[in-house]
């Protein structure tokens, strides 16, 4: 699954060391192509993830997530554009207001996938 599938959860991982819950979004799209559509897809995906947590679905499906820190963890194939950075800043603040956090990690092809201690 990818950022384009805005109504689906891509992946959930648990950090073995600290118990954080990583709600992983896979973003393979280039910001240089159809940036507006990319921004809308990312916004839709983040809204789906927020609804997944706020509705209690996360805790119903993964009870061990209860009481853990929730991180919306976006793994992007391409570095952020200026507009994307602005969206992340605004979305990060909104997500933080709910008590969660948003993190973007640029994943270069060939590097190990940057999901810490994935056991999910």
PDB file of N, CA and C in Angstrom:
ATOM      1  N   UNK A   1       0.833  -1.178   0.000  1.00  0.00           N
ATOM      2  CA  UNK A   1       0.000   0.000   0.000  1.00  0.00           C
ATOM      3  C   UNK A   1       0.878   1.241   0.000  1.00  0.00           C
ATOM      4  N   UNK A   2       0.292   2.337  -0.444  1.00  0.00           N
ATOM      5  CA  UNK A   2       1.068   3.574  -0.560  1.00  0.00           C
ATOM      6  C   UNK A   2       0.218   4.780  -0.190  1.00  0.00           C
ATOM      7  N   UNK A   3       0.851   5.925  -0.243  1.00  0.00           N
ATOM      8  CA  UNK A   3       0.190   7.184   0.063  1.00  0.00           C
ATOM      9  C   UNK A   3      -1.013   7.411  -0.853  1.00  0.00           C
ATOM     10  N   UNK A   4      -0.996   6.843  -2.039  1.00  0.00           N
ATOM     11  CA  UNK A   4      -2.101   7.022  -2.979  1.00  0.00           C
ATOM     12  C   UNK A   4      -3.370   6.303  -2.526  1.00  0.00           C
ATOM     13  N   UNK A   5      -3.231   5.270  -1.729  1.00  0.00           N
ATOM     14  CA  UNK A   5      -4.385   4.535  -1.220  1.00  0.00           C
ATOM     15  C   UNK A   5      -4.803   5.183   0.095  1.00  0.00           C
ATOM     16  N   UNK A   6      -5.490   6.299  -0.030  1.00  0.00           N
ATOM     17  CA  UNK A   6      -5.750   7.164   1.116  1.00  0.00           C
ATOM     18  C   UNK A   6      -6.676   6.551   2.157  1.00  0.00           C
ATOM     19  N   UNK A   7      -7.396   5.519   1.804  1.00  0.00           N
ATOM     20  CA  UNK A   7      -8.342   4.922   2.755  1.00  0.00           C
ATOM     21  C   UNK A   7      -7.806   3.664   3.430  1.00  0.00           C
ATOM     22  N   UNK A   8      -6.518   3.403   3.299  1.00  0.00           N
ATOM     23  CA  UNK A   8      -5.921   2.193   3.871  1.00  0.00           C
ATOM     24  C   UNK A   8      -4.746   2.530   4.785  1.00  0.00           C
ATOM     25  N   UNK A   9      -4.536   1.667   5.775  1.00  0.00           N
ATOM     26  CA  UNK A   9      -3.376   1.773   6.660  1.00  0.00           C
ATOM     27  C   UNK A   9      -2.258   0.935   6.040  1.00  0.00           C
ATOM     28  N   UNK A  10      -1.104   1.542   5.797  1.00  0.00           N
ATOM     29  CA  UNK A  10      -0.005   0.834   5.138  1.00  0.00           C
ATOM     30  C   UNK A  10       0.628  -0.213   6.045  1.00  0.00           C
ATOM     31  N   UNK A  11       1.006   0.225   7.244  1.00  0.00           N
ATOM     32  CA  UNK A  11       1.751  -0.673   8.128  1.00  0.00           C
ATOM     33  C   UNK A  11       1.772  -0.124   9.550  1.00  0.00           C
ATOM     34  N   UNK A  12       1.792  -1.032  10.505  1.00  0.00           N
ATOM     35  CA  UNK A  12       1.917  -0.655  11.910  1.00  0.00           C
ATOM     36  C   UNK A  12       3.107  -1.411  12.475  1.00  0.00           C
ATOM     37  N   UNK A  13       3.973  -0.694  13.163  1.00  0.00           N
ATOM     38  CA  UNK A  13       5.161  -1.309  13.757  1.00  0.00           C
ATOM     39  C   UNK A  13       5.287  -0.845  15.200  1.00  0.00           C
ATOM     40  N   UNK A  14       5.923  -1.673  16.010  1.00  0.00           N
ATOM     41  CA  UNK A  14       6.179  -1.354  17.412  1.00  0.00           C
ATOM     42  C   UNK A  14       7.679  -1.327  17.629  1.00  0.00           C
ATOM     43  N   UNK A  15       8.156  -0.259  18.247  1.00  0.00           N
ATOM     44  CA  UNK A  15       9.561  -0.145  18.567  1.00  0.00           C
ATOM     45  C   UNK A  15       9.831  -0.983  19.816  1.00  0.00           C
ATOM     46  N   UNK A  16      10.672  -1.992  19.697  1.00  0.00           N
ATOM     47  CA  UNK A  16      10.957  -2.910  20.811  1.00  0.00           C
ATOM     48  C   UNK A  16      11.605  -2.217  22.000  1.00  0.00           C
ATOM     49  N   UNK A  17      12.407  -1.201  21.722  1.00  0.00           N
ATOM     50  CA  UNK A  17      13.158  -0.549  22.799  1.00  0.00           C
ATOM     51  C   UNK A  17      12.288   0.353  23.671  1.00  0.00           C
ATOM     52  N   UNK A  18      11.392   1.122  23.047  1.00  0.00           N
ATOM     53  CA  UNK A  18      10.645   2.097  23.839  1.00  0.00           C
ATOM     54  C   UNK A  18       9.131   1.922  23.768  1.00  0.00           C
ATOM     55  N   UNK A  19       8.649   0.974  22.968  1.00  0.00           N
ATOM     56  CA  UNK A  19       7.220   0.697  22.887  1.00  0.00           C
ATOM     57  C   UNK A  19       6.433   1.634  21.995  1.00  0.00           C
ATOM     58  N   UNK A  20       7.093   2.622  21.374  1.00  0.00           N
ATOM     59  CA  UNK A  20       6.375   3.529  20.480  1.00  0.00           C
ATOM     60  C   UNK A  20       5.635   2.753  19.401  1.00  0.00           C
ATOM     61  N   UNK A  21       4.479   3.276  19.024  1.00  0.00           N
ATOM     62  CA  UNK A  21       3.700   2.706  17.937  1.00  0.00           C
ATOM     63  C   UNK A  21       3.933   3.570  16.706  1.00  0.00           C
ATOM     64  N   UNK A  22       4.427   2.964  15.637  1.00  0.00           N
ATOM     65  CA  UNK A  22       4.693   3.680  14.399  1.00  0.00           C
ATOM     66  C   UNK A  22       3.606   3.331  13.393  1.00  0.00           C
ATOM     67  N   UNK A  23       2.826   4.326  13.023  1.00  0.00           N
ATOM     68  CA  UNK A  23       1.830   4.159  11.976  1.00  0.00           C
ATOM     69  C   UNK A  23       2.505   4.606  10.683  1.00  0.00           C
ATOM     70  N   UNK A  24       2.971   3.638   9.917  1.00  0.00           N
ATOM     71  CA  UNK A  24       3.857   3.890   8.782  1.00  0.00           C
ATOM     72  C   UNK A  24       3.060   4.210   7.518  1.00  0.00           C
ATOM     73  N   UNK A  25       3.477   5.266   6.847  1.00  0.00           N
ATOM     74  CA  UNK A  25       2.941   5.637   5.541  1.00  0.00           C
ATOM     75  C   UNK A  25       4.081   5.547   4.544  1.00  0.00           C
ATOM     76  N   UNK A  26       3.871   4.812   3.467  1.00  0.00           N
ATOM     77  CA  UNK A  26       4.873   4.669   2.411  1.00  0.00           C
ATOM     78  C   UNK A  26       4.579   5.693   1.312  1.00  0.00           C
ATOM     79  N   UNK A  27       5.516   6.599   1.099  1.00  0.00           N
ATOM     80  CA  UNK A  27       5.331   7.657   0.100  1.00  0.00           C
ATOM     81  C   UNK A  27       6.418   7.542  -0.958  1.00  0.00           C
ATOM     82  N   UNK A  28       6.051   6.976  -2.093  1.00  0.00           N
ATOM     83  CA  UNK A  28       7.000   6.752  -3.184  1.00  0.00           C
ATOM     84  C   UNK A  28       6.936   7.828  -4.262  1.00  0.00           C
ATOM     85  N   UNK A  29       6.046   8.791  -4.109  1.00  0.00           N
ATOM     86  CA  UNK A  29       5.820   9.785  -5.157  1.00  0.00           C
ATOM     87  C   UNK A  29       6.864  10.894  -5.133  1.00  0.00           C
ATOM     88  N   UNK A  30       7.206  11.379  -6.328  1.00  0.00           N
ATOM     89  CA  UNK A  30       8.160  12.468  -6.493  1.00  0.00           C
ATOM     90  C   UNK A  30       7.419  13.793  -6.341  1.00  0.00           C
ATOM     91  N   UNK A  31       7.960  14.713  -5.576  1.00  0.00           N
ATOM     92  CA  UNK A  31       7.309  16.003  -5.363  1.00  0.00           C
ATOM     93  C   UNK A  31       7.360  16.876  -6.608  1.00  0.00           C
ATOM     94  N   UNK A  32       8.234  16.574  -7.560  1.00  0.00           N
ATOM     95  CA  UNK A  32       8.344  17.362  -8.784  1.00  0.00           C
ATOM     96  C   UNK A  32       7.226  17.078  -9.773  1.00  0.00           C
ATOM     97  N   UNK A  33       6.492  16.012  -9.565  1.00  0.00           N
ATOM     98  CA  UNK A  33       5.423  15.622 -10.484  1.00  0.00           C
ATOM     99  C   UNK A  33       4.079  15.685  -9.753  1.00  0.00           C
ATOM    100  N   UNK A  34       3.156  16.474 -10.260  1.00  0.00           N
ATOM    101  CA  UNK A  34       1.812  16.576  -9.686  1.00  0.00           C
ATOM    102  C   UNK A  34       1.842  16.866  -8.181  1.00  0.00           C
ATOM    103  N   UNK A  35       2.576  17.898  -7.807  1.00  0.00           N
ATOM    104  CA  UNK A  35       2.739  18.219  -6.391  1.00  0.00           C
ATOM    105  C   UNK A  35       1.394  18.435  -5.686  1.00  0.00           C
ATOM    106  N   UNK A  36       0.467  19.115  -6.349  1.00  0.00           N
ATOM    107  CA  UNK A  36      -0.835  19.373  -5.738  1.00  0.00           C
ATOM    108  C   UNK A  36      -1.582  18.087  -5.411  1.00  0.00           C
ATOM    109  N   UNK A  37      -1.584  17.157  -6.344  1.00  0.00           N
ATOM    110  CA  UNK A  37      -2.246  15.866  -6.106  1.00  0.00           C
ATOM    111  C   UNK A  37      -1.539  15.088  -5.005  1.00  0.00           C
ATOM    112  N   UNK A  38      -0.223  15.171  -4.985  1.00  0.00           N
ATOM    113  CA  UNK A  38       0.567  14.493  -3.966  1.00  0.00           C
ATOM    114  C   UNK A  38       0.226  15.048  -2.582  1.00  0.00           C
ATOM    115  N   UNK A  39       0.138  16.368  -2.470  1.00  0.00           N
ATOM    116  CA  UNK A  39      -0.209  17.005  -1.193  1.00  0.00           C
ATOM    117  C   UNK A  39      -1.597  16.562  -0.721  1.00  0.00           C
ATOM    118  N   UNK A  40      -2.553  16.519  -1.655  1.00  0.00           N
ATOM    119  CA  UNK A  40      -3.911  16.087  -1.300  1.00  0.00           C
ATOM    120  C   UNK A  40      -3.941  14.626  -0.868  1.00  0.00           C
ATOM    121  N   UNK A  41      -3.174  13.781  -1.562  1.00  0.00           N
ATOM    122  CA  UNK A  41      -3.121  12.359  -1.191  1.00  0.00           C
ATOM    123  C   UNK A  41      -2.526  12.198   0.203  1.00  0.00           C
ATOM    124  N   UNK A  42      -1.455  12.908   0.483  1.00  0.00           N
ATOM    125  CA  UNK A  42      -0.828  12.821   1.804  1.00  0.00           C
ATOM    126  C   UNK A  42      -1.772  13.323   2.889  1.00  0.00           C
ATOM    127  N   UNK A  43      -2.439  14.419   2.625  1.00  0.00           N
ATOM    128  CA  UNK A  43      -3.394  14.956   3.596  1.00  0.00           C
ATOM    129  C   UNK A  43      -4.523  13.947   3.848  1.00  0.00           C
ATOM    130  N   UNK A  44      -5.029  13.330   2.787  1.00  0.00           N
ATOM    131  CA  UNK A  44      -6.074  12.320   2.940  1.00  0.00           C
ATOM    132  C   UNK A  44      -5.594  11.113   3.724  1.00  0.00           C
ATOM    133  N   UNK A  45      -4.383  10.694   3.465  1.00  0.00           N
ATOM    134  CA  UNK A  45      -3.809   9.541   4.163  1.00  0.00           C
ATOM    135  C   UNK A  45      -3.641   9.856   5.651  1.00  0.00           C
ATOM    136  N   UNK A  46      -3.129  11.028   5.962  1.00  0.00           N
ATOM    137  CA  UNK A  46      -2.961  11.417   7.367  1.00  0.00           C
ATOM    138  C   UNK A  46      -4.312  11.482   8.077  1.00  0.00           C
ATOM    139  N   UNK A  47      -5.325  11.984   7.390  1.00  0.00           N
ATOM    140  CA  UNK A  47      -6.666  12.027   7.982  1.00  0.00           C
ATOM    141  C   UNK A  47      -7.193  10.626   8.256  1.00  0.00           C
ATOM    142  N   UNK A  48      -6.945   9.689   7.351  1.00  0.00           N
ATOM    143  CA  UNK A  48      -7.355   8.297   7.562  1.00  0.00           C
ATOM    144  C   UNK A  48      -6.658   7.714   8.784  1.00  0.00           C
ATOM    145  N   UNK A  49      -5.373   7.985   8.924  1.00  0.00           N
ATOM    146  CA  UNK A  49      -4.621   7.476  10.068  1.00  0.00           C
ATOM    147  C   UNK A  49      -5.122   8.083  11.371  1.00  0.00           C
ATOM    148  N   UNK A  50      -5.387   9.375  11.345  1.00  0.00           N
ATOM    149  CA  UNK A  50      -5.894  10.032  12.547  1.00  0.00           C
ATOM    150  C   UNK A  50      -7.248   9.453  12.945  1.00  0.00           C
ATOM    151  N   UNK A  51      -8.113   9.226  11.985  1.00  0.00           N
ATOM    152  CA  UNK A  51      -9.420   8.623  12.261  1.00  0.00           C
ATOM    153  C   UNK A  51      -9.255   7.201  12.814  1.00  0.00           C
ATOM    154  N   UNK A  52      -8.285   6.456  12.301  1.00  0.00           N
ATOM    155  CA  UNK A  52      -8.008   5.098  12.757  1.00  0.00           C
ATOM    156  C   UNK A  52      -7.661   5.087  14.248  1.00  0.00           C
ATOM    157  N   UNK A  53      -6.884   6.068  14.671  1.00  0.00           N
ATOM    158  CA  UNK A  53      -6.500   6.150  16.084  1.00  0.00           C
ATOM    159  C   UNK A  53      -7.649   6.704  16.918  1.00  0.00           C
ATOM    160  N   UNK A  54      -8.201   7.838  16.494  1.00  0.00           N
ATOM    161  CA  UNK A  54      -9.222   8.518  17.284  1.00  0.00           C
ATOM    162  C   UNK A  54     -10.507   7.699  17.437  1.00  0.00           C
ATOM    163  N   UNK A  55     -10.815   6.836  16.472  1.00  0.00           N
ATOM    164  CA  UNK A  55     -12.026   6.018  16.551  1.00  0.00           C
ATOM    165  C   UNK A  55     -11.856   4.811  17.473  1.00  0.00           C
ATOM    166  N   UNK A  56     -10.611   4.556  17.886  1.00  0.00           N
ATOM    167  CA  UNK A  56     -10.344   3.413  18.746  1.00  0.00           C
ATOM    168  C   UNK A  56      -9.993   2.140  17.992  1.00  0.00           C
ATOM    169  N   UNK A  57      -9.998   2.200  16.668  1.00  0.00           N
ATOM    170  CA  UNK A  57      -9.692   1.009  15.866  1.00  0.00           C
ATOM    171  C   UNK A  57      -8.280   0.497  16.119  1.00  0.00           C
ATOM    172  N   UNK A  58      -7.329   1.420  16.295  1.00  0.00           N
ATOM    173  CA  UNK A  58      -5.948   1.005  16.568  1.00  0.00           C
ATOM    174  C   UNK A  58      -5.898   0.151  17.824  1.00  0.00           C
ATOM    175  N   UNK A  59      -6.546   0.618  18.897  1.00  0.00           N
ATOM    176  CA  UNK A  59      -6.480  -0.068  20.186  1.00  0.00           C
ATOM    177  C   UNK A  59      -7.299  -1.362  20.193  1.00  0.00           C
ATOM    178  N   UNK A  60      -8.350  -1.402  19.399  1.00  0.00           N
ATOM    179  CA  UNK A  60      -9.141  -2.629  19.289  1.00  0.00           C
ATOM    180  C   UNK A  60      -8.345  -3.710  18.568  1.00  0.00           C
ATOM    181  N   UNK A  61      -7.624  -3.310  17.534  1.00  0.00           N
ATOM    182  CA  UNK A  61      -6.848  -4.272  16.748  1.00  0.00           C
ATOM    183  C   UNK A  61      -5.507  -4.611  17.407  1.00  0.00           C
ATOM    184  N   UNK A  62      -4.920  -3.633  18.095  1.00  0.00           N
ATOM    185  CA  UNK A  62      -3.613  -3.796  18.740  1.00  0.00           C
ATOM    186  C   UNK A  62      -3.696  -3.281  20.173  1.00  0.00           C
ATOM    187  N   UNK A  63      -4.251  -4.063  21.093  1.00  0.00           N
ATOM    188  CA  UNK A  63      -4.414  -3.597  22.474  1.00  0.00           C
ATOM    189  C   UNK A  63      -3.118  -3.140  23.127  1.00  0.00           C
ATOM    190  N   UNK A  64      -1.985  -3.706  22.713  1.00  0.00           N
ATOM    191  CA  UNK A  64      -0.716  -3.303  23.330  1.00  0.00           C
ATOM    192  C   UNK A  64      -0.302  -1.884  22.957  1.00  0.00           C
ATOM    193  N   UNK A  65      -1.040  -1.252  22.032  1.00  0.00           N
ATOM    194  CA  UNK A  65      -0.771   0.136  21.675  1.00  0.00           C
ATOM    195  C   UNK A  65      -1.320   1.106  22.720  1.00  0.00           C
ATOM    196  N   UNK A  66      -2.200   0.622  23.569  1.00  0.00           N
ATOM    197  CA  UNK A  66      -2.817   1.469  24.592  1.00  0.00           C
ATOM    198  C   UNK A  66      -1.755   2.055  25.518  1.00  0.00           C
ATOM    199  N   UNK A  67      -1.811   3.352  25.681  1.00  0.00           N
ATOM    200  CA  UNK A  67      -0.878   4.039  26.573  1.00  0.00           C
ATOM    201  C   UNK A  67       0.493   4.296  25.970  1.00  0.00           C
ATOM    202  N   UNK A  68       0.709   3.891  24.736  1.00  0.00           N
ATOM    203  CA  UNK A  68       2.012   4.089  24.078  1.00  0.00           C
ATOM    204  C   UNK A  68       2.000   5.383  23.266  1.00  0.00           C
ATOM    205  N   UNK A  69       3.181   5.876  22.997  1.00  0.00           N
ATOM    206  CA  UNK A  69       3.322   7.063  22.155  1.00  0.00           C
ATOM    207  C   UNK A  69       3.026   6.666  20.702  1.00  0.00           C
ATOM    208  N   UNK A  70       2.191   7.460  20.038  1.00  0.00           N
ATOM    209  CA  UNK A  70       1.787   7.197  18.658  1.00  0.00           C
ATOM    210  C   UNK A  70       2.524   8.162  17.741  1.00  0.00           C
ATOM    211  N   UNK A  71       3.199   7.592  16.735  1.00  0.00           N
ATOM    212  CA  UNK A  71       3.946   8.395  15.771  1.00  0.00           C
ATOM    213  C   UNK A  71       3.435   8.085  14.372  1.00  0.00           C
ATOM    214  N   UNK A  72       2.983   9.110  13.670  1.00  0.00           N
ATOM    215  CA  UNK A  72       2.637   8.981  12.260  1.00  0.00           C
ATOM    216  C   UNK A  72       3.974   9.089  11.527  1.00  0.00           C
ATOM    217  N   UNK A  73       4.435   7.979  10.979  1.00  0.00           N
ATOM    218  CA  UNK A  73       5.813   7.825  10.521  1.00  0.00           C
ATOM    219  C   UNK A  73       5.813   7.672   9.000  1.00  0.00           C
ATOM    220  N   UNK A  74       6.154   8.749   8.294  1.00  0.00           N
ATOM    221  CA  UNK A  74       6.117   8.752   6.836  1.00  0.00           C
ATOM    222  C   UNK A  74       7.512   8.468   6.299  1.00  0.00           C
ATOM    223  N   UNK A  75       7.610   7.423   5.493  1.00  0.00           N
ATOM    224  CA  UNK A  75       8.867   7.061   4.843  1.00  0.00           C
ATOM    225  C   UNK A  75       8.749   7.488   3.389  1.00  0.00           C
ATOM    226  N   UNK A  76       9.519   8.517   3.008  1.00  0.00           N
ATOM    227  CA  UNK A  76       9.440   9.066   1.663  1.00  0.00           C
ATOM    228  C   UNK A  76      10.634   8.700   0.814  1.00  0.00           C
ATOM    229  N   UNK A  77      10.358   8.395  -0.432  1.00  0.00           N
ATOM    230  CA  UNK A  77      11.414   8.056  -1.385  1.00  0.00           C
ATOM    231  C   UNK A  77      12.173   9.307  -1.841  1.00  0.00           C
ATOM    232  N   UNK A  78      11.495  10.464  -1.799  1.00  0.00           N
ATOM    233  CA  UNK A  78      12.092  11.705  -2.282  1.00  0.00           C
ATOM    234  C   UNK A  78      12.128  12.756  -1.172  1.00  0.00           C
ATOM    235  N   UNK A  79      13.144  13.627  -1.181  1.00  0.00           N
ATOM    236  CA  UNK A  79      13.189  14.716  -0.201  1.00  0.00           C
ATOM    237  C   UNK A  79      11.975  15.622  -0.372  1.00  0.00           C
ATOM    238  N   UNK A  80      11.607  16.310   0.688  1.00  0.00           N
ATOM    239  CA  UNK A  80      10.441  17.179   0.662  1.00  0.00           C
ATOM    240  C   UNK A  80      10.683  18.442  -0.161  1.00  0.00           C
ATOM    241  N   UNK A  81       9.640  18.858  -0.877  1.00  0.00           N
ATOM    242  CA  UNK A  81       9.654  20.155  -1.549  1.00  0.00           C
ATOM    243  C   UNK A  81       9.320  21.221  -0.505  1.00  0.00           C
ATOM    244  N   UNK A  82       9.394  22.474  -0.895  1.00  0.00           N
ATOM    245  CA  UNK A  82       9.040  23.557   0.027  1.00  0.00           C
ATOM    246  C   UNK A  82       7.575  23.452   0.453  1.00  0.00           C
ATOM    247  N   UNK A  83       6.689  23.191  -0.499  1.00  0.00           N
ATOM    248  CA  UNK A  83       5.258  23.068  -0.179  1.00  0.00           C
ATOM    249  C   UNK A  83       5.008  21.857   0.725  1.00  0.00           C
ATOM    250  N   UNK A  84       5.702  20.779   0.464  1.00  0.00           N
ATOM    251  CA  UNK A  84       5.547  19.580   1.298  1.00  0.00           C
ATOM    252  C   UNK A  84       6.039  19.852   2.717  1.00  0.00           C
ATOM    253  N   UNK A  85       7.154  20.558   2.846  1.00  0.00           N
ATOM    254  CA  UNK A  85       7.664  20.925   4.177  1.00  0.00           C
ATOM    255  C   UNK A  85       6.638  21.752   4.932  1.00  0.00           C
ATOM    256  N   UNK A  86       5.988  22.665   4.224  1.00  0.00           N
ATOM    257  CA  UNK A  86       4.957  23.490   4.845  1.00  0.00           C
ATOM    258  C   UNK A  86       3.778  22.624   5.307  1.00  0.00           C
ATOM    259  N   UNK A  87       3.357  21.678   4.462  1.00  0.00           N
ATOM    260  CA  UNK A  87       2.267  20.777   4.860  1.00  0.00           C
ATOM    261  C   UNK A  87       2.656  19.964   6.092  1.00  0.00           C
ATOM    262  N   UNK A  88       3.861  19.456   6.126  1.00  0.00           N
ATOM    263  CA  UNK A  88       4.318  18.674   7.277  1.00  0.00           C
ATOM    264  C   UNK A  88       4.338  19.522   8.551  1.00  0.00           C
ATOM    265  N   UNK A  89       4.734  20.772   8.420  1.00  0.00           N
ATOM    266  CA  UNK A  89       4.751  21.657   9.582  1.00  0.00           C
ATOM    267  C   UNK A  89       3.333  21.856  10.113  1.00  0.00           C
ATOM    268  N   UNK A  90       2.392  22.155   9.219  1.00  0.00           N
ATOM    269  CA  UNK A  90       1.002  22.383   9.628  1.00  0.00           C
ATOM    270  C   UNK A  90       0.343  21.100  10.130  1.00  0.00           C
ATOM    271  N   UNK A  91       0.536  20.008   9.399  1.00  0.00           N
ATOM    272  CA  UNK A  91      -0.058  18.729   9.796  1.00  0.00           C
ATOM    273  C   UNK A  91       0.548  18.250  11.109  1.00  0.00           C
ATOM    274  N   UNK A  92       1.840  18.456  11.275  1.00  0.00           N
ATOM    275  CA  UNK A  92       2.506  18.040  12.502  1.00  0.00           C
ATOM    276  C   UNK A  92       1.934  18.751  13.713  1.00  0.00           C
ATOM    277  N   UNK A  93       1.645  20.038  13.559  1.00  0.00           N
ATOM    278  CA  UNK A  93       1.045  20.794  14.659  1.00  0.00           C
ATOM    279  C   UNK A  93      -0.354  20.267  14.963  1.00  0.00           C
ATOM    280  N   UNK A  94      -1.150  20.025  13.929  1.00  0.00           N
ATOM    281  CA  UNK A  94      -2.512  19.518  14.129  1.00  0.00           C
ATOM    282  C   UNK A  94      -2.489  18.144  14.793  1.00  0.00           C
ATOM    283  N   UNK A  95      -1.603  17.274  14.342  1.00  0.00           N
ATOM    284  CA  UNK A  95      -1.485  15.929  14.915  1.00  0.00           C
ATOM    285  C   UNK A  95      -0.997  16.020  16.361  1.00  0.00           C
ATOM    286  N   UNK A  96      -0.091  16.930  16.617  1.00  0.00           N
ATOM    287  CA  UNK A  96       0.414  17.131  17.979  1.00  0.00           C
ATOM    288  C   UNK A  96      -0.703  17.611  18.911  1.00  0.00           C
ATOM    289  N   UNK A  97      -1.633  18.405  18.392  1.00  0.00           N
ATOM    290  CA  UNK A  97      -2.765  18.866  19.193  1.00  0.00           C
ATOM    291  C   UNK A  97      -3.640  17.698  19.661  1.00  0.00           C
ATOM    292  N   UNK A  98      -3.614  16.593  18.934  1.00  0.00           N
ATOM    293  CA  UNK A  98      -4.334  15.382  19.329  1.00  0.00           C
ATOM    294  C   UNK A  98      -3.531  14.523  20.308  1.00  0.00           C
ATOM    295  N   UNK A  99      -2.255  14.872  20.494  1.00  0.00           N
ATOM    296  CA  UNK A  99      -1.417  14.123  21.418  1.00  0.00           C
ATOM    297  C   UNK A  99      -0.501  13.110  20.745  1.00  0.00           C
ATOM    298  N   UNK A 100      -0.371  13.207  19.426  1.00  0.00           N
ATOM    299  CA  UNK A 100       0.474  12.289  18.660  1.00  0.00           C
ATOM    300  C   UNK A 100       1.588  13.094  18.005  1.00  0.00           C
ATOM    301  N   UNK A 101       2.449  12.420  17.258  1.00  0.00           N
ATOM    302  CA  UNK A 101       3.491  13.156  16.541  1.00  0.00           C
ATOM    303  C   UNK A 101       3.594  12.665  15.105  1.00  0.00           C
ATOM    304  N   UNK A 102       4.184  13.517  14.270  1.00  0.00           N
ATOM    305  CA  UNK A 102       4.387  13.235  12.852  1.00  0.00           C
ATOM    306  C   UNK A 102       5.874  13.305  12.573  1.00  0.00           C
ATOM    307  N   UNK A 103       6.378  12.297  11.873  1.00  0.00           N
ATOM    308  CA  UNK A 103       7.803  12.265  11.540  1.00  0.00           C
ATOM    309  C   UNK A 103       7.961  11.854  10.082  1.00  0.00           C
ATOM    310  N   UNK A 104       8.805  12.571   9.357  1.00  0.00           N
ATOM    311  CA  UNK A 104       9.145  12.223   7.979  1.00  0.00           C
ATOM    312  C   UNK A 104      10.575  11.724   7.935  1.00  0.00           C
ATOM    313  N   UNK A 105      10.789  10.608   7.243  1.00  0.00           N
ATOM    314  CA  UNK A 105      12.129  10.065   7.063  1.00  0.00           C
ATOM    315  C   UNK A 105      12.346   9.856   5.570  1.00  0.00           C
ATOM    316  N   UNK A 106      13.413  10.445   5.036  1.00  0.00           N
ATOM    317  CA  UNK A 106      13.764  10.237   3.636  1.00  0.00           C
ATOM    318  C   UNK A 106      14.508   8.912   3.517  1.00  0.00           C
ATOM    319  N   UNK A 107      13.962   8.018   2.713  1.00  0.00           N
ATOM    320  CA  UNK A 107      14.541   6.691   2.529  1.00  0.00           C
ATOM    321  C   UNK A 107      15.169   6.603   1.150  1.00  0.00           C
ATOM    322  N   UNK A 108      16.479   6.567   1.120  1.00  0.00           N
ATOM    323  CA  UNK A 108      17.183   6.447  -0.147  1.00  0.00           C
ATOM    324  C   UNK A 108      17.167   4.995  -0.603  1.00  0.00           C
ATOM    325  N   UNK A 109      16.911   4.809  -1.872  1.00  0.00           N
ATOM    326  CA  UNK A 109      16.865   3.468  -2.443  1.00  0.00           C
ATOM    327  C   UNK A 109      18.147   2.711  -2.129  1.00  0.00           C
ATOM    328  N   UNK A 110      18.014   1.497  -1.681  1.00  0.00           N
ATOM    329  CA  UNK A 110      19.160   0.670  -1.339  1.00  0.00           C
ATOM    330  C   UNK A 110      19.520   0.703   0.128  1.00  0.00           C
ATOM    331  N   UNK A 111      19.062   1.734   0.848  1.00  0.00           N
ATOM    332  CA  UNK A 111      19.311   1.814   2.291  1.00  0.00           C
ATOM    333  C   UNK A 111      18.346   0.892   3.027  1.00  0.00           C
ATOM    334  N   UNK A 112      18.733   0.508   4.230  1.00  0.00           N
ATOM    335  CA  UNK A 112      17.843  -0.284   5.084  1.00  0.00           C
ATOM    336  C   UNK A 112      16.599   0.552   5.389  1.00  0.00           C
ATOM    337  N   UNK A 113      15.438  -0.071   5.364  1.00  0.00           N
ATOM    338  CA  UNK A 113      14.203   0.635   5.649  1.00  0.00           C
ATOM    339  C   UNK A 113      14.271   1.240   7.053  1.00  0.00           C
ATOM    340  N   UNK A 114      14.042   2.541   7.183  1.00  0.00           N
ATOM    341  CA  UNK A 114      14.245   3.220   8.462  1.00  0.00           C
ATOM    342  C   UNK A 114      13.069   3.108   9.440  1.00  0.00           C
ATOM    343  N   UNK A 115      12.715   1.887   9.773  1.00  0.00           N
ATOM    344  CA  UNK A 115      11.689   1.665  10.791  1.00  0.00           C
ATOM    345  C   UNK A 115      12.395   1.022  11.977  1.00  0.00           C
ATOM    346  N   UNK A 116      12.538   1.771  13.088  1.00  0.00           N
ATOM    347  CA  UNK A 116      13.337   1.280  14.205  1.00  0.00           C
ATOM    348  C   UNK A 116      12.734   0.035  14.878  1.00  0.00           C
ATOM    349  N   UNK A 117      13.536  -1.020  14.947  1.00  0.00           N
ATOM    350  CA  UNK A 117      13.163  -2.217  15.681  1.00  0.00           C
ATOM    351  C   UNK A 117      11.758  -2.704  15.401  1.00  0.00           C
ATOM    352  N   UNK A 118      11.420  -2.769  14.148  1.00  0.00           N
ATOM    353  CA  UNK A 118      10.082  -3.170  13.725  1.00  0.00           C
ATOM    354  C   UNK A 118       9.764  -4.576  14.200  1.00  0.00           C
ATOM    355  N   UNK A 119       8.676  -4.706  14.904  1.00  0.00           N
ATOM    356  CA  UNK A 119       8.198  -6.033  15.275  1.00  0.00           C
ATOM    357  C   UNK A 119       6.707  -6.160  15.000  1.00  0.00           C
ATOM    358  N   UNK A 120       6.181  -5.237  14.215  1.00  0.00           N
ATOM    359  CA  UNK A 120       4.768  -5.113  14.014  1.00  0.00           C
ATOM    360  C   UNK A 120       4.134  -6.053  13.107  1.00  0.00           C
TER     361      UNK A 120
END
